[in-house]
């Protein structure tokens, strides 16, 4: 893990956007860690919570097709 500074800071949702989180911070993760988590843990979490967020019609900042609208 790196020390976060202006050259390597990365904006990350405090509560994942996939479950409706809106609050962001640039003091949580460096760019490389954010990329690592975004492609791993965050992706698995998003996939696991997708049915629930679709049923609850959770609004996201990043538009994503509702899986129930087929």
Protein backbone atom coordinates (compact mmCIF):
# COMPACT_ATOMS: atom_id res chain seq x y z
CA UNK A 1 0.00 0.00 0.00
CA UNK A 2 1.29 3.44 -0.93
CA UNK A 3 1.05 6.74 0.85
CA UNK A 4 -1.74 8.68 -0.85
CA UNK A 5 -0.73 12.00 -2.40
CA UNK A 6 -1.93 14.25 -5.23
CA UNK A 7 -0.19 12.24 -7.93
CA UNK A 8 -1.63 8.85 -6.98
CA UNK A 9 -4.96 9.63 -5.29
CA UNK A 10 -8.08 8.02 -6.67
CA UNK A 11 -11.73 8.81 -6.06
CA UNK A 12 -13.57 5.92 -4.41
CA UNK A 13 -17.09 5.55 -3.11
CA UNK A 14 -17.24 5.23 0.68
CA UNK A 15 -20.29 2.97 0.26
CA UNK A 16 -20.17 1.23 -3.11
CA UNK A 17 -22.19 2.93 -5.83
CA UNK A 18 -23.70 -0.43 -6.76
CA UNK A 19 -25.74 -0.36 -3.55
CA UNK A 20 -26.64 3.31 -3.84
CA UNK A 21 -23.59 4.96 -2.29
CA UNK A 22 -22.99 8.57 -3.29
CA UNK A 23 -20.29 9.81 -0.90
CA UNK A 24 -16.82 9.75 -2.44
CA UNK A 25 -13.34 10.34 -1.08
CA UNK A 26 -9.93 10.73 -2.64
CA UNK A 27 -8.21 9.86 0.65
CA UNK A 28 -9.15 6.17 0.82
CA UNK A 29 -7.14 4.37 -1.87
CA UNK A 30 -4.24 5.04 -4.19
CA UNK A 31 -4.81 4.50 -7.92
CA UNK A 32 -3.19 1.07 -8.01
CA UNK A 33 -5.19 -0.21 -5.01
CA UNK A 34 -8.41 1.22 -6.43
CA UNK A 35 -7.76 -0.59 -9.71
CA UNK A 36 -7.01 -3.81 -7.86
CA UNK A 37 -10.18 -3.62 -5.75
CA UNK A 38 -12.32 -2.35 -8.62
CA UNK A 39 -11.54 -5.35 -10.76
CA UNK A 40 -11.70 -7.84 -7.91
CA UNK A 41 -13.58 -7.34 -4.67
CA UNK A 42 -15.81 -4.51 -5.93
CA UNK A 43 -16.80 -6.48 -9.03
CA UNK A 44 -17.66 -9.59 -7.00
CA UNK A 45 -19.65 -7.49 -4.51
CA UNK A 46 -21.53 -5.73 -7.32
CA UNK A 47 -22.41 -9.04 -8.95
CA UNK A 48 -23.53 -10.57 -5.64
CA UNK A 49 -25.78 -7.64 -4.74
CA UNK A 50 -27.22 -7.09 -8.22
CA UNK A 51 -30.48 -9.05 -7.68
CA UNK A 52 -31.21 -7.21 -4.43
CA UNK A 53 -30.43 -3.77 -5.82
CA UNK A 54 -32.57 -4.52 -8.87
CA UNK A 55 -35.53 -5.57 -6.73
CA UNK A 56 -35.16 -2.44 -4.61
CA UNK A 57 -34.61 -0.28 -7.71
CA UNK A 58 -31.48 1.26 -6.20
CA UNK A 59 -30.42 4.41 -8.04
CA UNK A 60 -26.76 4.64 -9.05
CA UNK A 61 -24.65 7.51 -10.28
CA UNK A 62 -23.15 5.18 -12.86
CA UNK A 63 -26.08 4.12 -14.98
CA UNK A 64 -26.46 0.38 -15.18
CA UNK A 65 -29.25 -1.60 -16.80
CA UNK A 66 -31.65 -3.11 -14.28
CA UNK A 67 -31.41 -6.90 -14.65
CA UNK A 68 -35.17 -7.21 -14.07
CA UNK A 69 -36.07 -5.12 -17.14
CA UNK A 70 -35.81 -7.95 -19.66
